[in-house]
Amino acid sequence: MALESVDGSMDVSEPTTRHCFVLDLHDDPELIAGYERWHRPGGPPVAITRSIRQAGIAALEIWRAGPRLFMILEAGPDYDAARKAEQDATDPDVIAWEQLMWQFQRPVAWAAPGEKWAAAARIYALAEQPDPPVAAPSA
């Protein structure tokens, strides 16, 4: 699936699988601003960006509406979520990053115990909708 975001930053040319997740931030303007500072270009440590890319994640964006975050992840054919979780659990850089981020984040109410980013279920796709009937030309 070729995909491009509104601002052109999520351009993926190889086949990918989209995964979407939600997470909340603490509803505190200073914490939200701090979280956004950590996620500006060059904000995350190089080891975190490297870890994401090496896992086969072709593109990743985080969007915010109020204190709610939406992550859109485009996984390449080599991505394995279980393998990524195993690697993250033993990577000191990822562990430190996750501990740092947790001061800003809180799970959504329906998250399973210990779950951080909760998976979102797709409920609509324009591509799956039938084409509307063509209107007859007016006389």
Protein backbone atom coordinates (compact mmCIF):
# COMPACT_ATOMS: atom_id res chain seq x y z
CA MET A 1 0.00 0.00 0.00
CA ALA A 2 1.46 3.36 -0.96
CA LEU A 3 0.52 5.91 1.66
CA GLU A 4 1.18 9.59 2.10
CA SER A 5 0.06 11.70 5.05
CA VAL A 6 -1.47 15.14 4.80
CA ASP A 7 1.95 16.76 5.16
CA GLY A 8 3.72 14.21 2.94
CA SER A 9 5.83 12.78 5.75
CA MET A 10 4.40 9.25 5.67
CA ASP A 11 5.30 8.15 2.17
CA VAL A 12 5.59 4.38 1.92
CA SER A 13 6.29 2.70 -1.41
CA GLU A 14 6.71 -0.96 -0.36
CA PRO A 15 3.81 -3.21 0.70
CA THR A 16 2.88 -2.51 4.31
CA THR A 17 0.31 -3.38 6.91
CA ARG A 18 -1.25 -0.53 8.87
CA HIS A 19 -1.64 -0.76 12.64
CA CYS A 20 -3.36 1.97 14.67
CA PHE A 21 -3.13 2.48 18.41
CA VAL A 22 -4.42 4.89 21.04
CA LEU A 23 -2.96 6.16 24.30
CA ASP A 24 -3.72 9.11 26.54
CA LEU A 25 -1.47 11.78 27.92
CA HIS A 26 -1.98 13.24 31.38
CA ASP A 27 -4.30 16.18 30.76
CA ASP A 28 -1.78 18.80 31.82
CA PRO A 29 -0.68 21.48 29.32
CA GLU A 30 2.93 21.48 30.57
CA LEU A 31 3.23 17.69 30.30
CA ILE A 32 1.63 17.70 26.86
CA ALA A 33 4.06 20.39 25.70
CA GLY A 34 6.97 18.35 27.11
CA TYR A 35 5.78 15.22 25.29
CA GLU A 36 5.55 17.15 22.03
CA ARG A 37 9.06 18.55 22.53
CA TRP A 38 10.43 15.02 22.89
CA HIS A 39 8.73 14.05 19.63
CA ARG A 40 9.81 16.95 17.42
CA PRO A 41 12.35 16.14 14.67
CA GLY A 42 15.58 15.12 16.38
CA GLY A 43 13.86 14.81 19.77
CA PRO A 44 13.85 11.06 20.29
CA PRO A 45 17.25 9.52 20.95
CA VAL A 46 18.94 8.05 17.87
CA ALA A 47 18.80 4.58 19.44
CA ILE A 48 14.99 4.77 19.56
CA THR A 49 14.63 5.79 15.93
CA ARG A 50 17.11 3.07 14.94
CA SER A 51 15.18 0.45 16.95
CA ILE A 52 11.93 1.37 15.21
CA ARG A 53 13.44 1.26 11.73
CA GLN A 54 15.39 -1.97 12.34
CA ALA A 55 12.15 -3.68 13.43
CA GLY A 56 10.74 -3.33 9.92
CA ILE A 57 8.52 -0.34 10.65
CA ALA A 58 8.37 1.55 7.37
CA ALA A 59 6.56 4.63 8.71
CA LEU A 60 5.17 5.80 12.03
CA GLU A 61 3.23 8.89 12.98
CA ILE A 62 1.70 10.03 16.26
CA TRP A 63 -1.25 12.42 16.13
CA ARG A 64 -2.82 14.22 19.10
CA ALA A 65 -6.36 15.44 19.81
CA GLY A 66 -6.51 16.95 23.29
CA PRO A 67 -4.81 14.44 25.59
CA ARG A 68 -5.52 11.46 23.28
CA LEU A 69 -2.75 10.15 21.04
CA PHE A 70 -3.21 8.14 17.85
CA MET A 71 -0.31 6.15 16.46
CA ILE A 72 -0.37 5.07 12.82
CA LEU A 73 2.27 2.44 12.13
CA GLU A 74 3.02 1.08 8.66
CA ALA A 75 4.77 -2.25 9.08
CA GLY A 76 6.90 -3.73 6.32
CA PRO A 77 6.88 -7.43 5.48
CA ASP A 78 9.69 -8.18 8.00
CA TYR A 79 7.87 -6.64 10.99
CA ASP A 80 7.05 -9.00 13.85
CA ALA A 81 5.36 -7.31 16.83
CA ALA A 82 6.24 -10.11 19.26
CA ARG A 83 9.91 -10.04 18.24
CA LYS A 84 9.97 -6.23 18.59
CA ALA A 85 8.47 -6.50 22.10
CA GLU A 86 11.08 -9.10 23.10
CA GLN A 87 13.92 -6.93 21.80
CA ASP A 88 12.52 -3.81 23.50
CA ALA A 89 12.26 -5.62 26.84
CA THR A 90 16.04 -6.13 26.92
CA ASP A 91 17.23 -2.94 25.19
CA PRO A 92 18.44 -0.45 27.84
CA ASP A 93 17.86 2.52 25.51
CA VAL A 94 14.26 1.52 24.82
CA ILE A 95 13.64 0.78 28.50
CA ALA A 96 14.97 4.22 29.48
CA TRP A 97 12.88 5.90 26.75
CA GLU A 98 9.71 4.10 27.83
CA GLN A 99 10.30 5.06 31.48
CA LEU A 100 10.81 8.69 30.44
CA MET A 101 7.67 8.69 28.27
CA TRP A 102 5.55 7.09 30.98
CA GLN A 103 5.69 10.31 33.03
CA PHE A 104 3.60 11.91 30.25
CA GLN A 105 1.39 8.96 29.31
CA ARG A 106 -1.47 6.99 30.82
CA PRO A 107 -3.35 4.02 29.38
CA VAL A 108 -6.84 4.42 27.97
CA ALA A 109 -9.59 3.14 30.28
CA TRP A 110 -10.16 -0.03 28.25
CA ALA A 111 -6.51 -1.06 27.97
CA ALA A 112 -5.60 -4.51 29.27
CA PRO A 113 -3.47 -4.59 32.42
CA GLY A 114 0.10 -3.65 31.49
CA GLU A 115 -0.93 -2.50 27.99
CA LYS A 116 0.35 0.88 26.95
CA TRP A 117 -0.69 1.60 23.38
CA ALA A 118 -4.10 -0.06 22.85
CA ALA A 119 -4.84 -1.38 19.37
CA ALA A 120 -7.63 0.35 17.49
CA ALA A 121 -10.00 -1.61 15.26
CA ARG A 122 -10.74 -0.35 11.77
CA ILE A 123 -14.49 0.02 11.33
CA TYR A 124 -14.68 1.80 7.97
CA ALA A 125 -12.75 1.88 4.72
CA LEU A 126 -13.86 3.99 1.78
CA ALA A 127 -12.21 1.53 -0.61
CA GLU A 128 -14.60 -1.19 0.58
CA GLN A 129 -17.73 0.87 -0.05
CA PRO A 130 -19.75 0.31 -3.21
CA ASP A 131 -19.61 3.02 -5.82
CA PRO A 132 -22.75 5.15 -5.78
CA PRO A 133 -25.08 4.79 -8.77
CA VAL A 134 -24.35 7.17 -11.60
CA ALA A 135 -27.05 9.78 -11.93
CA ALA A 136 -28.86 9.91 -15.22
CA PRO A 137 -28.03 12.97 -17.31
CA SER A 138 -30.64 15.70 -17.04
CA ALA A 139 -32.54 16.62 -20.12
